[in-house]
N, C-alpha and C. Protein backbone atom coordinates (compact mmCIF):
# COMPACT_ATOMS: atom_id res chain seq x y z
N MET A 1 21.41 43.37 -5.01
CA MET A 1 21.16 43.84 -3.66
C MET A 1 20.28 42.82 -2.93
N PHE A 2 20.56 42.63 -1.71
CA PHE A 2 19.82 41.68 -0.88
C PHE A 2 18.46 42.26 -0.51
N ASP A 3 17.40 41.54 -0.82
CA ASP A 3 16.03 42.00 -0.55
C ASP A 3 15.57 41.46 0.81
N MET A 4 15.81 42.25 1.86
CA MET A 4 15.51 41.82 3.22
C MET A 4 14.00 41.62 3.42
N LEU A 5 13.17 42.51 2.92
CA LEU A 5 11.72 42.37 3.08
C LEU A 5 11.20 41.15 2.34
N GLY A 6 11.72 40.93 1.15
CA GLY A 6 11.33 39.75 0.38
C GLY A 6 11.71 38.48 1.12
N MET A 7 12.92 38.47 1.68
CA MET A 7 13.40 37.30 2.41
C MET A 7 12.54 37.07 3.66
N MET A 8 12.15 38.13 4.36
CA MET A 8 11.32 37.98 5.56
C MET A 8 9.94 37.44 5.19
N GLY A 9 9.42 37.90 4.07
CA GLY A 9 8.14 37.38 3.59
C GLY A 9 8.22 35.90 3.27
N LYS A 10 9.33 35.51 2.64
CA LYS A 10 9.55 34.09 2.31
C LYS A 10 9.66 33.26 3.59
N MET A 11 10.32 33.81 4.59
CA MET A 11 10.48 33.09 5.86
C MET A 11 9.12 32.89 6.53
N LYS A 12 8.28 33.92 6.51
CA LYS A 12 6.94 33.78 7.10
C LYS A 12 6.12 32.74 6.35
N GLU A 13 6.23 32.76 5.03
CA GLU A 13 5.51 31.78 4.22
C GLU A 13 6.02 30.37 4.52
N MET A 14 7.35 30.25 4.65
CA MET A 14 7.93 28.96 4.95
C MET A 14 7.45 28.47 6.33
N GLN A 15 7.39 29.35 7.31
CA GLN A 15 6.92 28.97 8.63
C GLN A 15 5.47 28.47 8.56
N ALA A 16 4.65 29.16 7.81
CA ALA A 16 3.25 28.76 7.67
C ALA A 16 3.14 27.40 7.00
N ARG A 17 3.91 27.20 5.95
CA ARG A 17 3.88 25.91 5.24
C ARG A 17 4.40 24.78 6.13
N MET A 18 5.45 25.07 6.89
CA MET A 18 6.00 24.06 7.81
C MET A 18 4.95 23.68 8.85
N LYS A 19 4.26 24.67 9.38
CA LYS A 19 3.23 24.41 10.38
C LYS A 19 2.13 23.52 9.79
N ASP A 20 1.68 23.87 8.59
CA ASP A 20 0.66 23.06 7.92
C ASP A 20 1.16 21.64 7.67
N ALA A 21 2.40 21.54 7.21
CA ALA A 21 2.98 20.22 6.92
C ALA A 21 3.09 19.40 8.20
N GLN A 22 3.50 20.01 9.29
CA GLN A 22 3.65 19.29 10.56
C GLN A 22 2.29 18.83 11.09
N GLU A 23 1.25 19.60 10.83
CA GLU A 23 -0.08 19.21 11.29
C GLU A 23 -0.61 17.98 10.54
N THR A 24 -0.07 17.72 9.37
CA THR A 24 -0.53 16.55 8.61
C THR A 24 0.32 15.30 8.89
N LEU A 25 1.35 15.42 9.72
CA LEU A 25 2.23 14.28 10.00
C LEU A 25 1.50 13.04 10.53
N PRO A 26 0.47 13.19 11.36
CA PRO A 26 -0.21 11.97 11.82
C PRO A 26 -0.84 11.16 10.69
N SER A 27 -1.12 11.79 9.56
CA SER A 27 -1.73 11.05 8.45
C SER A 27 -0.71 10.28 7.62
N ILE A 28 0.57 10.54 7.82
CA ILE A 28 1.61 9.80 7.12
C ILE A 28 1.91 8.56 7.96
N THR A 29 1.72 7.39 7.37
CA THR A 29 1.98 6.15 8.12
C THR A 29 2.86 5.20 7.32
N GLU A 30 3.55 4.37 8.04
CA GLU A 30 4.36 3.30 7.44
C GLU A 30 4.14 2.06 8.29
N THR A 31 4.04 0.93 7.62
CA THR A 31 3.91 -0.36 8.30
C THR A 31 5.11 -1.22 7.91
N ALA A 32 5.66 -1.89 8.91
CA ALA A 32 6.77 -2.81 8.66
C ALA A 32 6.48 -4.09 9.43
N GLU A 33 7.13 -5.15 8.98
CA GLU A 33 6.88 -6.44 9.62
C GLU A 33 8.19 -7.08 10.05
N ALA A 34 8.05 -8.03 10.95
CA ALA A 34 9.18 -8.82 11.43
C ALA A 34 8.70 -10.26 11.55
N GLY A 35 9.66 -11.18 11.52
CA GLY A 35 9.30 -12.59 11.65
C GLY A 35 8.44 -13.08 10.51
N ALA A 36 8.79 -12.68 9.29
CA ALA A 36 8.05 -13.09 8.08
C ALA A 36 6.57 -12.75 8.18
N GLY A 37 6.29 -11.58 8.75
CA GLY A 37 4.90 -11.11 8.80
C GLY A 37 4.14 -11.51 10.05
N LEU A 38 4.80 -12.17 11.00
CA LEU A 38 4.12 -12.57 12.23
C LEU A 38 3.77 -11.36 13.10
N VAL A 39 4.58 -10.31 13.01
CA VAL A 39 4.32 -9.08 13.75
C VAL A 39 4.40 -7.92 12.77
N LYS A 40 3.38 -7.06 12.79
CA LYS A 40 3.36 -5.88 11.93
C LYS A 40 3.12 -4.66 12.80
N ALA A 41 3.95 -3.65 12.60
CA ALA A 41 3.84 -2.40 13.36
C ALA A 41 3.58 -1.25 12.41
N THR A 42 2.65 -0.38 12.76
CA THR A 42 2.36 0.80 11.97
C THR A 42 2.65 2.03 12.83
N VAL A 43 3.45 2.94 12.27
CA VAL A 43 3.79 4.18 12.96
C VAL A 43 3.36 5.36 12.11
N ASN A 44 3.20 6.52 12.76
CA ASN A 44 2.83 7.71 12.00
C ASN A 44 4.00 8.67 11.91
N GLY A 45 3.78 9.78 11.22
CA GLY A 45 4.83 10.76 11.01
C GLY A 45 5.30 11.46 12.27
N ARG A 46 4.58 11.30 13.34
CA ARG A 46 5.01 11.85 14.63
C ARG A 46 5.81 10.82 15.42
N LYS A 47 6.16 9.72 14.75
CA LYS A 47 6.94 8.63 15.33
C LYS A 47 6.22 7.99 16.52
N GLN A 48 4.92 7.76 16.32
CA GLN A 48 4.11 7.10 17.33
C GLN A 48 3.63 5.77 16.77
N LEU A 49 3.69 4.74 17.59
CA LEU A 49 3.14 3.44 17.20
C LEU A 49 1.62 3.57 17.25
N VAL A 50 0.95 3.37 16.11
CA VAL A 50 -0.50 3.56 16.06
C VAL A 50 -1.27 2.25 15.87
N HIS A 51 -0.58 1.20 15.45
CA HIS A 51 -1.26 -0.09 15.28
C HIS A 51 -0.23 -1.20 15.38
N LEU A 52 -0.64 -2.28 16.00
CA LEU A 52 0.23 -3.44 16.15
C LEU A 52 -0.59 -4.69 15.88
N GLU A 53 -0.09 -5.50 14.96
CA GLU A 53 -0.76 -6.75 14.60
C GLU A 53 0.15 -7.91 14.98
N ILE A 54 -0.39 -8.88 15.70
CA ILE A 54 0.39 -10.04 16.14
C ILE A 54 -0.33 -11.30 15.71
N ASP A 55 0.39 -12.18 15.03
CA ASP A 55 -0.19 -13.45 14.62
C ASP A 55 -0.60 -14.23 15.88
N PRO A 56 -1.81 -14.74 15.92
CA PRO A 56 -2.30 -15.45 17.11
C PRO A 56 -1.42 -16.63 17.53
N ASP A 57 -0.71 -17.24 16.60
CA ASP A 57 0.17 -18.37 16.94
C ASP A 57 1.33 -17.96 17.83
N LEU A 58 1.66 -16.68 17.86
CA LEU A 58 2.77 -16.21 18.68
C LEU A 58 2.39 -15.95 20.13
N VAL A 59 1.12 -15.92 20.41
CA VAL A 59 0.67 -15.56 21.75
C VAL A 59 0.64 -16.82 22.64
N LYS A 60 1.84 -17.25 22.96
CA LYS A 60 2.03 -18.40 23.83
C LYS A 60 3.03 -18.00 24.90
N PRO A 61 2.82 -18.40 26.13
CA PRO A 61 3.73 -17.99 27.21
C PRO A 61 5.21 -18.31 26.91
N GLU A 62 5.47 -19.43 26.26
CA GLU A 62 6.86 -19.81 25.99
C GLU A 62 7.49 -18.99 24.85
N GLU A 63 6.68 -18.23 24.13
CA GLU A 63 7.17 -17.42 23.01
C GLU A 63 7.27 -15.93 23.36
N THR A 64 7.12 -15.56 24.61
CA THR A 64 7.08 -14.16 25.03
C THR A 64 8.34 -13.39 24.62
N GLU A 65 9.50 -13.96 24.85
CA GLU A 65 10.75 -13.26 24.53
C GLU A 65 10.87 -13.00 23.02
N MET A 66 10.56 -14.02 22.22
CA MET A 66 10.63 -13.85 20.77
C MET A 66 9.60 -12.80 20.32
N LEU A 67 8.42 -12.81 20.90
CA LEU A 67 7.39 -11.84 20.56
C LEU A 67 7.87 -10.43 20.83
N ARG A 68 8.49 -10.21 21.98
CA ARG A 68 9.03 -8.89 22.31
C ARG A 68 10.05 -8.45 21.26
N ASP A 69 10.96 -9.35 20.89
CA ASP A 69 11.99 -9.02 19.91
C ASP A 69 11.37 -8.67 18.55
N LEU A 70 10.36 -9.40 18.14
CA LEU A 70 9.72 -9.13 16.86
C LEU A 70 8.96 -7.80 16.87
N ILE A 71 8.34 -7.47 17.99
CA ILE A 71 7.64 -6.19 18.11
C ILE A 71 8.64 -5.04 17.99
N VAL A 72 9.74 -5.15 18.68
CA VAL A 72 10.77 -4.11 18.61
C VAL A 72 11.31 -3.99 17.18
N ALA A 73 11.59 -5.12 16.54
CA ALA A 73 12.14 -5.10 15.18
C ALA A 73 11.15 -4.47 14.20
N ALA A 74 9.90 -4.86 14.26
CA ALA A 74 8.90 -4.31 13.34
C ALA A 74 8.70 -2.81 13.58
N THR A 75 8.65 -2.41 14.83
CA THR A 75 8.46 -1.00 15.16
C THR A 75 9.64 -0.17 14.66
N ASN A 76 10.85 -0.64 14.90
CA ASN A 76 12.02 0.11 14.45
C ASN A 76 12.09 0.22 12.93
N LYS A 77 11.73 -0.82 12.21
CA LYS A 77 11.70 -0.77 10.75
C LYS A 77 10.69 0.27 10.28
N ALA A 78 9.51 0.27 10.89
CA ALA A 78 8.48 1.23 10.50
C ALA A 78 8.92 2.66 10.81
N LEU A 79 9.57 2.87 11.94
CA LEU A 79 10.05 4.21 12.30
C LEU A 79 11.10 4.70 11.31
N GLU A 80 11.98 3.82 10.88
CA GLU A 80 12.98 4.20 9.87
C GLU A 80 12.31 4.61 8.57
N ALA A 81 11.32 3.82 8.15
CA ALA A 81 10.64 4.09 6.88
C ALA A 81 9.86 5.40 6.93
N VAL A 82 9.21 5.69 8.05
CA VAL A 82 8.40 6.90 8.13
C VAL A 82 9.29 8.14 8.22
N GLU A 83 10.49 8.01 8.76
CA GLU A 83 11.40 9.15 8.86
C GLU A 83 11.71 9.72 7.47
N THR A 84 11.96 8.85 6.52
CA THR A 84 12.24 9.27 5.15
C THR A 84 11.03 9.96 4.54
N ARG A 85 9.83 9.40 4.75
CA ARG A 85 8.62 10.00 4.20
C ARG A 85 8.34 11.37 4.81
N VAL A 86 8.59 11.52 6.12
CA VAL A 86 8.37 12.80 6.79
C VAL A 86 9.34 13.85 6.22
N ALA A 87 10.60 13.49 6.05
CA ALA A 87 11.58 14.42 5.50
C ALA A 87 11.15 14.88 4.11
N ASP A 88 10.71 13.94 3.28
CA ASP A 88 10.24 14.29 1.94
C ASP A 88 9.01 15.20 2.00
N HIS A 89 8.10 14.89 2.91
CA HIS A 89 6.87 15.67 3.06
C HIS A 89 7.18 17.11 3.46
N LEU A 90 8.07 17.29 4.43
CA LEU A 90 8.41 18.64 4.89
C LEU A 90 9.19 19.40 3.81
N LYS A 91 10.06 18.71 3.11
CA LYS A 91 10.82 19.34 2.04
C LYS A 91 9.89 19.81 0.92
N GLN A 92 8.94 18.97 0.58
CA GLN A 92 7.98 19.31 -0.47
C GLN A 92 7.12 20.51 -0.07
N ALA A 93 6.78 20.59 1.21
CA ALA A 93 5.93 21.68 1.70
C ALA A 93 6.60 23.03 1.57
N THR A 94 7.93 23.05 1.62
CA THR A 94 8.64 24.33 1.57
C THR A 94 9.44 24.49 0.28
N ASP A 95 9.26 23.59 -0.66
CA ASP A 95 10.01 23.62 -1.91
C ASP A 95 9.83 24.95 -2.65
N GLY A 96 10.93 25.51 -3.06
CA GLY A 96 10.91 26.72 -3.87
C GLY A 96 10.77 28.02 -3.09
N LEU A 97 10.64 27.93 -1.77
CA LEU A 97 10.47 29.16 -0.99
C LEU A 97 11.79 29.90 -0.77
N LEU A 98 12.82 29.16 -0.51
CA LEU A 98 14.11 29.79 -0.22
C LEU A 98 15.16 29.25 -1.17
N PRO A 99 16.15 30.06 -1.46
CA PRO A 99 17.25 29.57 -2.29
C PRO A 99 18.01 28.48 -1.53
N ASN A 100 18.88 27.80 -2.20
CA ASN A 100 19.69 26.76 -1.58
C ASN A 100 20.62 27.38 -0.55
N ILE A 101 20.22 27.36 0.69
CA ILE A 101 21.03 27.94 1.76
C ILE A 101 21.78 26.81 2.45
N PRO A 102 23.11 26.88 2.49
CA PRO A 102 23.88 25.81 3.13
C PRO A 102 23.41 25.58 4.56
N GLY A 103 23.24 24.33 4.91
CA GLY A 103 22.82 23.97 6.25
C GLY A 103 21.32 23.77 6.40
N MET A 104 20.52 24.32 5.49
CA MET A 104 19.07 24.20 5.59
C MET A 104 18.60 22.79 5.28
N GLU A 105 19.37 22.06 4.46
CA GLU A 105 18.94 20.71 4.11
C GLU A 105 18.85 19.82 5.34
N GLY A 106 19.58 20.13 6.40
CA GLY A 106 19.54 19.37 7.64
C GLY A 106 18.20 19.46 8.35
N LEU A 107 17.39 20.45 8.02
CA LEU A 107 16.08 20.61 8.66
C LEU A 107 15.10 19.54 8.23
N PHE A 108 15.36 18.92 7.09
CA PHE A 108 14.40 18.00 6.52
C PHE A 108 14.87 16.55 6.59
N GLY A 109 15.83 16.26 7.40
CA GLY A 109 16.31 14.87 7.50
C GLY A 109 17.44 14.64 6.52
N LYS A 110 17.43 13.46 5.94
CA LYS A 110 18.54 13.01 5.08
C LYS A 110 18.71 13.89 3.87
């Protein structure tokens, strides 16, 4: 028999765990580099750029276009990397609360 009250309790617990997990997302960070380390971008679990490091040799007026491209590349790499960590973090926070329900895996990313 389907235990509706038990399932509702599990859902409330899952919501609480998800909220807690989401509140810790800013502490999850990933750093990626472009141009063999000339540009490094650090993003957090909320997909925000939180730190940018640029090699001083790149800060020349004639290198502006290349610098822009490297910043974009490093930022995008870091965002890709943090997406996987966030999905794992959220999945871990709710692990074991609900049975394998088809379609729920989409809530946690890949």
